[in-house]
N, C-alpha and C. Protein backbone atom coordinates (compact mmCIF):
# COMPACT_ATOMS: atom_id res chain seq x y z
N MET A 1 166.84 -47.03 -119.98
CA MET A 1 165.72 -46.99 -119.58
C MET A 1 165.28 -48.13 -118.89
N PRO A 2 164.70 -48.22 -117.77
CA PRO A 2 164.34 -49.22 -116.74
C PRO A 2 163.57 -50.26 -117.97
N GLY A 3 163.65 -51.43 -117.91
CA GLY A 3 162.64 -52.38 -118.52
C GLY A 3 163.26 -52.90 -119.80
N ASP A 4 164.25 -52.06 -120.42
CA ASP A 4 164.63 -52.45 -121.75
C ASP A 4 165.23 -53.84 -121.92
N ASP A 5 165.63 -54.31 -120.63
CA ASP A 5 166.21 -55.78 -120.80
C ASP A 5 165.00 -56.96 -120.47
N LEU A 6 163.87 -56.35 -120.18
CA LEU A 6 162.89 -57.35 -120.07
C LEU A 6 162.50 -58.14 -121.40
N ASP A 7 162.48 -59.58 -121.25
CA ASP A 7 162.28 -60.35 -122.39
C ASP A 7 160.72 -60.44 -122.45
N PRO A 8 159.90 -60.11 -123.52
CA PRO A 8 158.41 -60.19 -123.41
C PRO A 8 158.08 -61.64 -123.41
N ASP A 9 158.96 -62.61 -124.19
CA ASP A 9 158.43 -64.02 -123.94
C ASP A 9 158.61 -64.39 -122.55
N GLU A 10 159.28 -63.90 -121.76
CA GLU A 10 159.68 -64.45 -120.35
C GLU A 10 158.31 -64.14 -119.49
N ASP A 11 157.70 -62.90 -119.83
CA ASP A 11 156.71 -62.50 -118.86
C ASP A 11 155.33 -62.44 -119.73
N GLY A 12 155.36 -62.90 -120.98
CA GLY A 12 154.18 -63.02 -121.78
C GLY A 12 153.69 -61.69 -122.43
N GLY A 13 154.59 -60.62 -122.20
CA GLY A 13 154.41 -59.28 -122.83
C GLY A 13 153.36 -58.50 -122.05
N GLY A 14 152.81 -59.16 -121.01
CA GLY A 14 151.97 -58.37 -120.44
C GLY A 14 152.17 -57.26 -119.38
N TYR A 15 151.38 -56.74 -118.48
CA TYR A 15 151.82 -55.65 -117.61
C TYR A 15 150.91 -55.57 -116.48
N ASP A 16 151.09 -54.67 -115.62
CA ASP A 16 150.14 -54.46 -114.59
C ASP A 16 150.14 -52.91 -114.37
N VAL A 17 149.46 -52.43 -113.31
CA VAL A 17 149.38 -50.94 -113.22
C VAL A 17 150.86 -50.18 -112.94
N ASP A 18 151.54 -50.99 -112.43
CA ASP A 18 152.95 -50.45 -112.06
C ASP A 18 154.07 -50.58 -113.16
N ASP A 19 153.93 -51.39 -114.09
CA ASP A 19 154.97 -51.58 -115.19
C ASP A 19 154.58 -51.48 -116.53
N TRP A 20 153.48 -50.84 -116.91
CA TRP A 20 153.08 -50.70 -118.39
C TRP A 20 153.79 -49.74 -119.26
N SER A 21 154.29 -48.73 -118.34
CA SER A 21 155.49 -47.79 -119.15
C SER A 21 156.66 -48.27 -119.80
N ARG A 22 156.93 -49.64 -119.46
CA ARG A 22 158.07 -50.26 -120.26
C ARG A 22 157.84 -50.66 -121.48
N LEU A 23 156.53 -50.69 -121.85
CA LEU A 23 156.21 -51.08 -123.41
C LEU A 23 156.73 -50.08 -124.39
N LYS A 24 157.31 -50.65 -125.36
CA LYS A 24 158.12 -49.81 -126.31
C LYS A 24 157.21 -49.36 -127.45
N PRO A 25 157.04 -48.13 -127.62
CA PRO A 25 156.09 -47.49 -128.62
C PRO A 25 156.89 -47.90 -130.16
N PHE A 26 156.03 -47.98 -131.07
CA PHE A 26 156.34 -47.86 -132.38
C PHE A 26 155.82 -46.64 -133.07
N ASN A 27 156.59 -45.55 -133.23
CA ASN A 27 156.02 -44.36 -133.61
C ASN A 27 157.24 -43.55 -134.52
N ALA A 28 158.10 -44.27 -135.02
CA ALA A 28 159.19 -43.78 -135.88
C ALA A 28 158.73 -43.64 -137.12
N ALA A 29 157.93 -44.44 -137.58
CA ALA A 29 157.53 -44.50 -139.04
C ALA A 29 156.22 -45.15 -139.20
N VAL A 30 155.57 -45.45 -140.57
CA VAL A 30 154.24 -46.16 -140.45
C VAL A 30 154.76 -47.64 -140.66
N ALA A 31 154.20 -48.41 -139.92
CA ALA A 31 154.51 -49.73 -139.79
C ALA A 31 154.38 -50.54 -141.21
N ALA A 32 155.22 -51.46 -141.36
CA ALA A 32 155.13 -52.42 -142.58
C ALA A 32 155.09 -53.82 -141.93
N LEU A 33 154.56 -54.93 -142.90
CA LEU A 33 154.49 -55.95 -142.55
C LEU A 33 155.65 -56.62 -141.52
N GLU A 34 156.89 -56.39 -142.23
CA GLU A 34 158.10 -56.81 -141.49
C GLU A 34 158.20 -56.58 -139.99
N ASP A 35 157.64 -55.36 -139.74
CA ASP A 35 157.69 -54.67 -138.42
C ASP A 35 156.69 -55.42 -137.52
N VAL A 36 155.56 -55.84 -138.16
CA VAL A 36 154.68 -56.78 -137.24
C VAL A 36 155.30 -58.00 -137.01
N GLN A 37 155.74 -58.62 -138.28
CA GLN A 37 156.33 -59.93 -137.92
C GLN A 37 157.28 -60.04 -136.89
N ALA A 38 158.26 -59.09 -136.88
CA ALA A 38 159.47 -58.86 -135.99
C ALA A 38 158.77 -58.35 -134.58
N LYS A 39 157.45 -58.34 -134.32
CA LYS A 39 156.80 -57.81 -133.11
C LYS A 39 157.30 -56.66 -132.44
N ARG A 40 157.52 -55.69 -133.64
CA ARG A 40 157.92 -54.16 -133.22
C ARG A 40 156.76 -53.26 -133.20
N ALA A 41 155.75 -53.83 -134.22
CA ALA A 41 154.55 -52.94 -134.36
C ALA A 41 153.22 -54.09 -134.14
N VAL A 42 152.23 -53.34 -133.91
CA VAL A 42 151.04 -54.31 -133.62
C VAL A 42 150.25 -54.45 -134.93
N PHE A 43 150.13 -53.45 -135.80
CA PHE A 43 149.51 -53.70 -137.25
C PHE A 43 150.34 -53.13 -138.17
N ALA A 44 150.06 -53.33 -139.51
CA ALA A 44 150.38 -52.73 -140.62
C ALA A 44 149.11 -52.68 -141.63
N LEU A 45 148.87 -51.67 -142.19
CA LEU A 45 147.67 -51.55 -143.05
C LEU A 45 148.22 -51.28 -144.70
N ALA A 46 147.69 -52.13 -145.41
CA ALA A 46 148.21 -51.91 -146.90
C ALA A 46 146.90 -51.44 -147.35
N GLU A 47 147.24 -50.86 -148.92
CA GLU A 47 146.21 -50.43 -149.69
C GLU A 47 145.26 -49.29 -149.03
N THR A 48 146.14 -48.51 -148.34
CA THR A 48 145.51 -47.22 -147.97
C THR A 48 146.24 -46.11 -148.57
N ASP A 49 145.59 -44.72 -148.32
CA ASP A 49 146.39 -43.60 -148.93
C ASP A 49 146.95 -42.72 -147.71
N ASP A 50 147.92 -41.90 -148.14
CA ASP A 50 148.49 -40.94 -147.15
C ASP A 50 148.66 -41.63 -145.79
N PRO A 51 149.42 -42.71 -145.57
CA PRO A 51 149.57 -43.23 -144.21
C PRO A 51 150.68 -42.31 -143.56
N ARG A 52 150.46 -42.19 -142.17
CA ARG A 52 151.36 -41.22 -141.51
C ARG A 52 151.21 -41.39 -139.89
N THR A 53 152.17 -41.33 -139.44
CA THR A 53 151.99 -41.51 -137.83
C THR A 53 151.24 -40.34 -137.14
N ILE A 54 150.59 -40.68 -136.08
CA ILE A 54 149.79 -39.63 -135.37
C ILE A 54 150.81 -39.05 -134.21
N ALA A 55 151.02 -37.88 -134.00
CA ALA A 55 151.60 -37.35 -132.90
C ALA A 55 151.09 -37.45 -131.70
N MET A 56 151.47 -38.25 -130.84
CA MET A 56 150.81 -38.45 -129.63
C MET A 56 151.95 -39.12 -128.56
N ASP A 57 151.91 -39.02 -127.30
CA ASP A 57 152.93 -39.57 -126.36
C ASP A 57 152.44 -41.09 -126.28
N LEU A 58 153.50 -41.86 -126.56
CA LEU A 58 153.33 -43.37 -126.55
C LEU A 58 154.40 -43.77 -125.54
N PRO A 59 154.09 -44.85 -124.82
CA PRO A 59 153.01 -45.58 -124.59
C PRO A 59 151.84 -44.69 -123.91
N GLN A 60 150.83 -45.03 -124.09
CA GLN A 60 149.53 -44.20 -123.73
C GLN A 60 148.38 -45.11 -123.01
N PRO A 61 148.20 -45.04 -121.77
CA PRO A 61 147.11 -45.80 -121.31
C PRO A 61 145.61 -45.51 -121.89
N VAL A 62 144.88 -46.44 -122.15
CA VAL A 62 143.53 -46.08 -122.78
C VAL A 62 142.52 -47.04 -122.09
N ILE A 63 141.27 -46.66 -122.26
CA ILE A 63 140.08 -47.42 -121.96
C ILE A 63 139.63 -47.63 -123.27
N TRP A 64 139.46 -48.89 -123.88
CA TRP A 64 139.02 -49.25 -125.27
C TRP A 64 137.59 -49.74 -125.04
N TRP A 65 136.58 -49.20 -125.74
CA TRP A 65 135.41 -49.58 -125.79
C TRP A 65 135.06 -50.54 -126.82
N GLU A 66 135.04 -51.85 -126.62
CA GLU A 66 134.88 -52.78 -127.38
C GLU A 66 133.59 -53.63 -127.45
N ALA A 67 133.06 -54.37 -128.27
CA ALA A 67 132.02 -55.23 -128.26
C ALA A 67 131.58 -55.75 -126.74
N ASP A 68 132.34 -56.29 -126.13
CA ASP A 68 132.19 -56.93 -124.82
C ASP A 68 132.41 -55.88 -123.45
N GLY A 69 132.41 -54.60 -123.87
CA GLY A 69 132.56 -53.60 -122.69
C GLY A 69 133.76 -52.85 -122.78
N GLU A 70 134.13 -52.38 -121.70
CA GLU A 70 135.35 -51.68 -121.56
C GLU A 70 136.41 -52.49 -121.07
N GLN A 71 137.51 -52.05 -121.63
CA GLN A 71 138.85 -52.99 -121.46
C GLN A 71 140.01 -51.92 -121.26
N ALA A 72 141.02 -52.35 -120.46
CA ALA A 72 142.32 -51.68 -120.36
C ALA A 72 143.08 -52.01 -121.57
N ALA A 73 143.81 -50.97 -121.79
CA ALA A 73 145.07 -51.25 -122.86
C ALA A 73 146.09 -50.22 -122.75
N VAL A 74 146.86 -50.48 -123.43
CA VAL A 74 148.09 -49.39 -123.62
C VAL A 74 148.34 -49.15 -125.19
N ALA A 75 148.10 -47.86 -125.86
CA ALA A 75 148.34 -47.61 -127.11
C ALA A 75 149.91 -47.64 -127.23
N VAL A 76 150.53 -48.42 -128.12
CA VAL A 76 151.98 -48.27 -128.40
C VAL A 76 152.10 -47.82 -129.93
N GLN A 77 151.17 -47.64 -130.82
CA GLN A 77 151.34 -47.35 -132.21
C GLN A 77 149.99 -46.66 -132.50
N ALA A 78 150.24 -45.42 -133.42
CA ALA A 78 149.06 -44.49 -133.71
C ALA A 78 149.42 -44.20 -135.07
N GLU A 79 148.60 -44.56 -136.05
CA GLU A 79 148.54 -44.00 -137.25
C GLU A 79 147.23 -43.53 -137.87
N SER A 80 147.55 -42.76 -138.86
CA SER A 80 146.31 -42.20 -139.75
C SER A 80 146.48 -42.56 -141.27
N HIS A 81 145.27 -43.23 -141.73
CA HIS A 81 145.23 -43.62 -142.96
C HIS A 81 143.97 -43.24 -143.73
N LEU A 82 144.13 -43.03 -144.90
CA LEU A 82 142.87 -42.77 -145.94
C LEU A 82 142.47 -44.04 -146.35
N GLY A 83 141.26 -44.26 -146.11
CA GLY A 83 140.39 -45.40 -146.97
C GLY A 83 140.29 -45.29 -148.28
N PRO A 84 139.83 -46.30 -149.17
CA PRO A 84 139.25 -46.13 -150.34
C PRO A 84 138.40 -45.29 -150.59
N ASP A 85 137.48 -44.80 -149.66
CA ASP A 85 136.35 -43.89 -149.84
C ASP A 85 136.94 -42.50 -149.53
N GLY A 86 138.27 -42.28 -149.21
CA GLY A 86 138.91 -41.14 -148.79
C GLY A 86 138.57 -40.73 -147.27
N GLU A 87 137.89 -41.70 -146.46
CA GLU A 87 137.66 -41.26 -145.14
C GLU A 87 139.04 -41.67 -144.23
N GLU A 88 139.20 -40.66 -143.33
CA GLU A 88 140.40 -40.72 -142.48
C GLU A 88 140.17 -41.79 -141.38
N MET A 89 141.07 -42.69 -141.13
CA MET A 89 140.89 -43.78 -140.09
C MET A 89 142.03 -43.47 -139.23
N GLU A 90 141.78 -43.03 -137.86
CA GLU A 90 143.12 -42.92 -137.13
C GLU A 90 143.02 -44.25 -136.20
N VAL A 91 144.06 -44.97 -136.34
CA VAL A 91 144.21 -46.49 -135.94
C VAL A 91 145.26 -46.58 -134.62
N LEU A 92 144.93 -47.21 -133.94
CA LEU A 92 145.86 -47.27 -132.65
C LEU A 92 146.12 -48.96 -132.55
N GLY A 93 147.68 -49.22 -132.34
CA GLY A 93 147.93 -50.59 -131.88
C GLY A 93 147.95 -50.69 -130.43
N LEU A 94 147.10 -51.60 -129.99
CA LEU A 94 147.15 -51.70 -128.28
C LEU A 94 147.82 -53.02 -127.91
N ILE A 95 148.36 -52.90 -126.49
CA ILE A 95 148.67 -53.99 -125.82
C ILE A 95 147.70 -54.07 -124.69
N LEU A 96 147.25 -55.30 -124.67
CA LEU A 96 146.42 -55.64 -123.40
C LEU A 96 147.13 -56.32 -122.27
N PRO A 97 146.44 -56.26 -121.05
CA PRO A 97 147.43 -56.61 -119.85
C PRO A 97 147.95 -57.99 -120.02
N ASP A 98 147.35 -58.94 -120.61
CA ASP A 98 147.68 -60.32 -120.86
C ASP A 98 148.80 -60.36 -121.90
N GLY A 99 149.13 -59.20 -122.54
CA GLY A 99 150.31 -59.20 -123.61
C GLY A 99 149.79 -59.43 -124.84
N GLY A 100 148.64 -59.60 -125.02
CA GLY A 100 147.86 -59.71 -126.36
C GLY A 100 147.91 -58.21 -127.07
N GLY A 101 147.81 -58.50 -128.36
CA GLY A 101 147.62 -57.10 -129.23
C GLY A 101 146.29 -57.07 -129.76
N ALA A 102 145.92 -55.64 -129.99
CA ALA A 102 144.64 -55.61 -130.40
C ALA A 102 144.72 -54.08 -131.43
N VAL A 103 143.63 -53.94 -132.28
CA VAL A 103 143.63 -52.80 -133.17
C VAL A 103 142.45 -51.99 -132.98
N ALA A 104 142.48 -50.77 -132.65
CA ALA A 104 141.18 -50.21 -132.26
C ALA A 104 141.19 -48.72 -133.08
N LEU A 105 140.15 -48.13 -133.29
CA LEU A 105 140.22 -46.94 -133.86
C LEU A 105 140.29 -45.71 -132.47
N LEU A 106 140.80 -44.85 -132.94
CA LEU A 106 141.02 -43.80 -132.05
C LEU A 106 139.81 -43.37 -131.35
N GLU A 107 138.65 -43.31 -132.06
CA GLU A 107 137.39 -42.84 -131.59
C GLU A 107 136.75 -43.66 -130.67
N ASP A 108 137.30 -45.16 -130.74
CA ASP A 108 136.79 -46.11 -129.81
C ASP A 108 137.51 -46.21 -128.35
N VAL A 109 138.33 -45.10 -128.11
CA VAL A 109 139.04 -45.53 -126.86
C VAL A 109 139.05 -44.06 -126.10
N ASP A 110 139.14 -44.13 -124.81
CA ASP A 110 139.45 -42.97 -124.02
C ASP A 110 140.85 -42.85 -123.62
N LEU A 111 141.49 -41.63 -123.83
CA LEU A 111 142.86 -41.60 -123.54
C LEU A 111 142.74 -41.10 -121.92
N VAL A 112 143.50 -41.83 -120.98
CA VAL A 112 143.52 -41.70 -119.64
C VAL A 112 145.06 -41.71 -119.10
N ASP A 113 145.24 -41.32 -118.02
CA ASP A 113 146.44 -41.61 -117.31
C ASP A 113 146.59 -42.63 -116.40
N ASP A 114 147.78 -43.05 -115.91
CA ASP A 114 147.84 -44.31 -115.11
C ASP A 114 147.13 -44.09 -113.79
N THR A 115 146.72 -43.01 -113.35
CA THR A 115 145.99 -42.74 -112.10
C THR A 115 144.58 -43.09 -112.19
N ASP A 116 144.13 -43.24 -113.54
CA ASP A 116 142.53 -43.29 -113.78
C ASP A 116 142.05 -44.61 -113.00
N PRO A 117 141.04 -44.38 -111.95
CA PRO A 117 140.76 -45.48 -111.18
C PRO A 117 140.03 -46.60 -112.03
N VAL A 118 139.42 -46.17 -113.05
CA VAL A 118 138.53 -47.17 -113.98
C VAL A 118 139.68 -48.12 -114.64
N TRP A 119 140.71 -47.53 -115.27
CA TRP A 119 141.86 -47.96 -115.91
C TRP A 119 142.43 -49.21 -115.00
N ARG A 120 142.91 -48.55 -113.80
CA ARG A 120 143.65 -49.36 -112.72
C ARG A 120 142.83 -50.56 -112.47
N ALA A 121 141.45 -50.13 -112.41
CA ALA A 121 140.53 -51.59 -111.86
C ALA A 121 140.50 -52.54 -113.06
N LEU A 122 140.40 -52.05 -114.32
CA LEU A 122 140.21 -52.92 -115.33
C LEU A 122 141.55 -53.87 -115.45
N VAL A 123 142.84 -52.95 -115.30
CA VAL A 123 144.05 -53.86 -115.51
C VAL A 123 144.11 -54.86 -114.50
N ALA A 124 143.69 -54.22 -113.00
CA ALA A 124 143.93 -55.47 -111.95
C ALA A 124 142.93 -56.58 -112.17
N ALA A 125 141.89 -56.27 -112.79
CA ALA A 125 140.87 -57.46 -113.06
C ALA A 125 141.44 -58.30 -114.14
N ALA A 126 141.92 -57.63 -115.25
CA ALA A 126 142.53 -58.53 -116.25
C ALA A 126 143.76 -59.41 -115.84
N VAL A 127 144.65 -58.78 -114.99
CA VAL A 127 145.68 -59.37 -114.23
C VAL A 127 145.09 -60.59 -113.40
N ASP A 128 144.28 -60.26 -112.54
CA ASP A 128 143.72 -61.44 -111.58
C ASP A 128 143.16 -62.38 -112.36
N GLY A 129 142.48 -62.08 -113.43
CA GLY A 129 141.73 -63.00 -114.25
C GLY A 129 142.69 -63.99 -114.95
N ALA A 130 143.86 -63.44 -115.37
CA ALA A 130 144.92 -64.11 -116.09
C ALA A 130 145.49 -65.14 -115.07
N ASP A 131 145.84 -64.68 -113.65
CA ASP A 131 146.39 -65.40 -112.90
C ASP A 131 145.45 -66.58 -112.35
N ALA A 132 144.17 -66.27 -112.46
CA ALA A 132 143.33 -67.47 -111.90
C ALA A 132 143.46 -68.69 -113.07
N GLY A 133 143.84 -68.26 -114.23
CA GLY A 133 143.96 -69.44 -115.18
C GLY A 133 145.01 -70.19 -115.16
N ASP A 134 146.06 -69.74 -114.39
CA ASP A 134 147.36 -70.58 -114.24
C ASP A 134 147.20 -71.98 -113.49
């Protein structure tokens, strides 16, 4: 698969609108702390009930609605967990254009494809902003 030989440390783990699909999903199992420490997964939740993966195509471009507004991301991990109150939480592990990771609830993102003009503009703005800081 193209991109398998990319070293995330070499490029900071970030992406642009043309190479996001090289991100490796973590969807074979529910993540454990060891998976996060080895940088195979974005998150691992403890003390939840009935953890399971969510069947969805990954990696998946998303627009994340966070406190600071909308942000482009790519979902690479999707899990469902029951909290202590029995409420289901559908949780995504996200990679941001700068290579950073984030965790979001599925209800706080819009699933899009890589042709979505808003997602493309958000990725481009994030990449341009990162380049300006160099």
